[in-house]
Protein backbone atom coordinates (compact mmCIF):
# COMPACT_ATOMS: atom_id res chain seq x y z
CA MET A 1 13.07 -6.34 -11.92
CA SER A 2 13.58 -5.36 -15.57
CA SER A 3 11.48 -2.86 -17.50
CA LEU A 4 10.20 -5.81 -19.53
CA SER A 5 8.93 -7.48 -16.36
CA PHE A 6 7.21 -4.27 -15.25
CA SER A 7 5.66 -4.04 -18.71
CA SER A 8 4.36 -7.59 -18.28
CA LEU A 9 2.76 -6.58 -14.99
CA LEU A 10 1.12 -3.62 -16.70
CA THR A 11 -0.19 -5.95 -19.41
CA SER A 12 -1.64 -8.29 -16.80
CA TRP A 13 -3.26 -5.28 -15.10
CA ASP A 14 -4.85 -4.31 -18.41
CA GLN A 15 -6.22 -7.82 -18.82
CA GLN A 16 -7.64 -7.77 -15.29
CA GLN A 17 -9.25 -4.37 -15.84
CA GLY A 18 -10.76 -5.58 -19.10
CA ALA A 19 -12.90 -7.96 -17.06
CA TYR A 20 -14.67 -4.96 -15.54
CA ILE A 21 -14.75 -2.62 -18.56
CA ALA A 22 -16.21 -4.21 -21.67
CA GLU A 23 -14.82 -1.77 -24.25
CA ARG A 24 -11.81 -0.41 -22.42
CA GLU A 25 -9.67 0.27 -25.49
CA ALA A 26 -12.53 2.02 -27.27
CA ARG A 27 -12.99 4.18 -24.19
CA PHE A 28 -9.27 5.00 -24.09
CA ASN A 29 -9.36 5.88 -27.79
CA ALA A 30 -12.29 8.22 -27.22
CA GLN A 31 -10.31 10.03 -24.53
CA LEU A 32 -7.27 10.34 -26.79
CA ASP A 33 -9.34 11.54 -29.75
CA VAL A 34 -11.06 14.27 -27.73
CA LEU A 35 -7.76 15.20 -26.10
CA ALA A 36 -6.11 15.78 -29.48
CA LEU A 37 -9.12 17.61 -30.89
CA SER A 38 -9.17 19.91 -27.86
CA VAL A 39 -5.50 20.73 -27.22
CA GLY A 40 -3.58 19.39 -30.23
CA GLU A 41 -0.79 16.83 -30.02
CA ASP A 42 1.96 18.79 -28.22
CA PHE A 43 0.71 19.18 -24.67
CA HIS A 44 1.28 18.55 -20.97
CA VAL A 45 -1.42 16.39 -19.38
CA LEU A 46 -2.13 15.26 -15.83
CA ASP A 47 -3.09 11.60 -15.45
CA LEU A 48 -5.02 11.59 -12.18
CA ALA A 49 -5.05 8.35 -10.15
CA CYS A 50 -2.87 6.87 -12.87
CA GLY A 51 -2.46 3.41 -11.32
CA PRO A 52 0.31 1.43 -13.06
CA GLY A 53 0.24 3.74 -16.08
CA SER A 54 -2.24 2.32 -18.58
CA LEU A 55 -3.59 5.65 -19.83
CA SER A 56 -0.22 7.41 -19.54
CA LEU A 57 1.35 4.73 -21.75
CA ARG A 58 -1.28 5.16 -24.44
CA ILE A 59 -0.84 8.94 -24.41
CA LEU A 60 2.94 8.68 -24.69
CA GLN A 61 2.68 6.15 -27.51
CA ARG A 62 0.16 8.09 -29.57
CA PHE A 63 1.52 11.62 -29.06
CA PRO A 64 5.33 11.74 -29.40
CA GLN A 65 5.47 15.41 -28.36
CA ALA A 66 3.30 15.02 -25.27
CA LYS A 67 4.46 15.09 -21.67
CA VAL A 68 2.59 13.40 -18.84
CA THR A 69 2.54 14.02 -15.11
CA ALA A 70 1.02 10.92 -13.53
CA MET A 71 -0.32 11.05 -9.97
CA ASP A 72 -1.51 8.29 -7.66
CA LEU A 73 -1.43 7.34 -3.99
CA ASP A 74 -0.83 3.60 -4.29
CA PRO A 75 2.93 2.92 -3.89
CA LEU A 76 2.76 -0.52 -5.49
CA LEU A 77 1.01 0.68 -8.63
CA LEU A 78 3.37 3.65 -8.85
CA ALA A 79 6.36 1.31 -8.68
CA ILE A 80 4.98 -0.61 -11.66
CA ALA A 81 4.34 2.64 -13.53
CA ARG A 82 7.90 3.87 -12.94
CA GLY A 83 9.30 0.61 -14.25
CA ALA A 84 6.94 0.17 -17.19
CA LEU A 85 7.29 3.78 -18.40
CA ALA A 86 11.00 4.27 -17.70
CA ASP A 87 11.91 4.23 -21.40
CA TYR A 88 10.00 7.49 -21.92
CA GLY A 89 12.54 9.46 -19.89
CA ASP A 90 11.66 13.04 -19.06
CA ARG A 91 8.39 12.86 -20.98
CA ILE A 92 6.85 11.18 -17.94
CA ARG A 93 6.91 12.43 -14.35
CA ILE A 94 5.38 10.24 -11.66
CA ILE A 95 4.24 11.71 -8.33
CA GLN A 96 2.76 10.10 -5.26
CA ALA A 97 -0.17 12.25 -4.15
CA ASP A 98 -3.54 11.78 -2.47
CA LEU A 99 -6.29 13.24 -4.65
CA ALA A 100 -8.52 13.37 -1.57
CA ASP A 101 -6.18 16.07 -0.24
CA PRO A 102 -7.21 19.57 -1.42
CA GLU A 103 -3.50 20.45 -1.63
CA CYS A 104 -2.62 17.51 -3.89
CA PHE A 105 -1.53 19.74 -6.78
CA SER A 106 1.07 21.60 -4.71
CA SER A 107 3.66 19.05 -5.88
CA LEU A 108 3.30 20.40 -9.42
CA GLU A 109 5.36 23.40 -8.31
CA GLY A 110 3.61 25.87 -10.56
CA ALA A 111 3.57 23.77 -13.73
CA THR A 112 0.39 24.39 -15.70
CA PRO A 113 -0.99 21.42 -17.64
CA ASP A 114 -3.03 21.82 -20.80
CA ALA A 115 -5.38 18.98 -19.88
CA ALA A 116 -6.21 16.42 -17.22
CA VAL A 117 -7.44 12.86 -17.61
CA SER A 118 -8.46 9.95 -15.42
CA SER A 119 -9.65 6.39 -16.02
CA THR A 120 -11.55 4.00 -13.74
CA ALA A 121 -10.31 5.69 -10.61
CA LEU A 122 -12.18 8.70 -9.28
CA HIS A 123 -15.08 6.57 -8.03
CA TRP A 124 -12.76 5.82 -5.09
CA LEU A 125 -13.30 9.40 -3.83
CA MET A 126 -16.26 10.50 -1.74
CA PRO A 127 -18.66 12.85 -3.57
CA GLU A 128 -17.62 15.83 -1.46
CA GLN A 129 -13.97 15.08 -2.25
CA LEU A 130 -14.79 14.93 -5.95
CA THR A 131 -16.36 18.38 -5.91
CA VAL A 132 -13.21 19.84 -4.35
CA LEU A 133 -10.97 18.01 -6.81
CA TYR A 134 -13.02 19.20 -9.78
CA ARG A 135 -12.79 22.80 -8.59
CA ASN A 136 -9.03 22.48 -8.21
CA ILE A 137 -8.70 20.97 -11.69
CA ALA A 138 -10.74 23.81 -13.17
CA GLU A 139 -8.58 26.39 -11.41
CA LEU A 140 -5.41 24.66 -12.60
CA LEU A 141 -6.26 24.35 -16.30
CA PRO A 142 -5.87 27.25 -18.74
CA THR A 143 -8.79 28.60 -20.73
CA GLY A 144 -9.59 26.01 -23.38
CA GLY A 145 -8.11 23.18 -21.33
CA VAL A 146 -10.06 19.93 -21.05
CA PHE A 147 -10.67 17.36 -18.32
CA LEU A 148 -11.64 13.85 -19.46
CA ASN A 149 -12.89 11.32 -16.92
CA ALA A 150 -13.56 7.71 -17.99
CA ASP A 151 -15.52 5.76 -15.40
CA HIS A 152 -18.78 4.06 -14.56
CA GLN A 153 -21.57 6.41 -13.49
CA ARG A 154 -24.22 4.11 -12.16
CA TYR A 155 -27.90 4.23 -12.97
CA ASP A 156 -30.14 4.59 -9.93
CA HIS A 157 -33.79 4.05 -8.97
CA ARG A 158 -34.92 6.54 -11.63
CA GLN A 159 -33.85 4.16 -14.42
CA PRO A 160 -34.61 0.63 -13.18
CA ARG A 161 -34.74 -1.09 -16.56
CA VAL A 162 -31.47 0.20 -17.96
CA LYS A 163 -29.88 -0.24 -14.52
CA THR A 164 -30.70 -3.94 -14.71
CA LEU A 165 -29.35 -4.16 -18.25
CA ALA A 166 -26.08 -2.52 -17.24
CA GLU A 167 -25.66 -4.90 -14.31
CA LEU A 168 -26.33 -7.92 -16.54
CA HIS A 169 -23.84 -6.62 -19.09
CA ASP A 170 -21.17 -6.13 -16.41
CA ASN A 171 -21.74 -9.64 -15.08
CA GLN A 172 -21.52 -11.19 -18.54
CA THR A 173 -18.29 -9.30 -19.26
CA GLN A 174 -16.71 -10.49 -16.02
CA GLN A 175 -17.82 -14.11 -16.33
CA ARG A 176 -16.52 -14.30 -19.89
CA ALA A 177 -13.13 -12.93 -18.85
CA TRP A 178 -12.81 -15.28 -15.88
CA ARG A 179 -13.75 -18.30 -18.00
CA ASN A 180 -10.82 -17.31 -20.21
CA GLY A 181 -8.43 -17.32 -17.26
CA VAL A 182 -8.26 -13.59 -16.51
CA GLU A 183 -7.52 -12.81 -12.87
CA ASP A 184 -9.96 -10.77 -10.85
CA TRP A 185 -8.96 -7.69 -8.82
CA ASP A 186 -8.21 -9.52 -5.56
CA ARG A 187 -6.23 -12.35 -7.16
CA TRP A 188 -4.15 -9.88 -9.17
CA PHE A 189 -3.17 -7.85 -6.10
CA ASP A 190 -2.52 -10.94 -4.00
CA LYS A 191 -0.14 -12.28 -6.64
CA VAL A 192 1.69 -9.03 -7.33
CA GLN A 193 2.19 -8.14 -3.66
CA GLN A 194 4.03 -11.43 -3.19
CA LEU A 195 6.68 -10.63 -5.79
CA PRO A 196 10.00 -10.02 -3.97
CA GLU A 197 10.54 -6.68 -5.70
CA LEU A 198 7.10 -5.38 -4.67
CA ALA A 199 6.43 -7.08 -1.34
CA GLN A 200 7.74 -4.02 0.52
CA TYR A 201 4.67 -2.06 -0.56
CA ARG A 202 2.07 -4.38 1.00
CA GLN A 203 2.16 -2.80 4.46
CA GLN A 204 2.39 0.70 2.99
CA ARG A 205 -0.78 0.07 1.01
CA GLU A 206 -2.61 -1.30 4.03
CA ASN A 207 -1.65 1.73 6.11
CA LEU A 208 -2.60 4.23 3.41
CA PHE A 209 -6.02 2.78 2.69
CA ALA A 210 -7.04 1.56 6.15
CA GLY A 211 -10.26 3.08 7.41
CA ARG A 212 -11.18 4.88 4.21
CA PRO A 213 -14.95 4.90 3.68
CA VAL A 214 -16.47 3.20 0.65
CA PRO A 215 -17.90 5.96 -1.56
CA PRO A 216 -21.48 5.72 -2.82
CA ALA A 217 -21.98 5.33 -6.55
CA THR A 218 -22.61 8.57 -8.42
CA ALA A 219 -24.83 9.14 -11.43
CA LEU A 220 -24.16 11.11 -14.59
CA ASP A 221 -26.17 14.14 -13.48
CA PHE A 222 -24.10 14.47 -10.30
CA GLN A 223 -20.91 14.49 -12.36
CA LEU A 224 -22.16 17.09 -14.82
CA ALA A 225 -23.50 19.37 -12.08
CA SER A 226 -20.28 19.08 -10.07
CA LEU A 227 -18.12 19.95 -13.07
CA THR A 228 -20.31 22.92 -13.96
CA GLN A 229 -20.27 24.17 -10.38
CA ALA A 230 -16.48 23.75 -10.34
CA GLY A 231 -16.10 26.27 -13.15
CA PHE A 232 -16.03 24.28 -16.39
CA THR A 233 -17.87 26.25 -19.06
CA GLU A 234 -19.08 23.25 -21.06
CA VAL A 235 -19.57 19.68 -19.85
CA GLY A 236 -21.03 16.49 -21.25
CA PRO A 237 -20.46 12.85 -22.14
CA VAL A 238 -18.38 12.24 -25.28
CA TRP A 239 -18.54 8.42 -25.17
CA GLN A 240 -20.93 5.95 -23.57
CA LEU A 241 -21.69 2.24 -23.28
CA LEU A 242 -24.62 1.76 -20.90
CA ASP A 243 -23.35 3.19 -17.57
CA ASP A 244 -19.73 3.50 -18.69
CA TYR A 245 -18.83 7.03 -19.82
CA VAL A 246 -16.15 9.42 -20.88
CA ILE A 247 -17.21 12.77 -19.47
CA ALA A 248 -15.55 15.96 -20.69
CA GLY A 249 -15.30 19.36 -19.10
CA TRP A 250 -13.80 22.34 -20.95
CA LYS A 251 -12.46 25.37 -19.09
């Protein structure tokens, strides 16, 4: 499969994800803006649970001096990332790692990043796994380093009205995308796993993710408290649309 074909798969992934995230590009741009304001434009950043490379690609495109280490567990998505980002050479390093493993950063072999980012991914971890990961990120980053997490942080029973509004907004976003022919999550994976070049990863994915519990939704206050407890000296949201946030933590 050519790099162009992998790029097409990444584009179709972006379209699929846009059905679940109403202002995905605006959210990416907020991450990139805060990243540059915090650590400049010549940096090494970890992209945690990178998937097929959406956020890594945007970092590499916007910051020509930047280097990215992208980490994920999913072998199929990593294969797409390797193909789609191949033209960036040694500016991108892609590692298979399980962020639920407290030793997941051992594969960095002593390299110290200036920042860490993640997008629409860490909700797949259990809350107790998140607290360990956040502590490890804080220990890894240098003083002044920043962690930027873009994800939904769901409203709960304490905010019933805005919780309902957020759910209505999500449903409208999804229905509009699907009316326009965008594939949903299941259809996208079903199609991609049948491609001859990627079919080998189907069983690997099933084995890796079999039996994993479904994490409960977390709220903003859990995230902020966990980051503070992990050792970040300042934390807070830097972008928001209803229950969709970019949360920052500075070392």
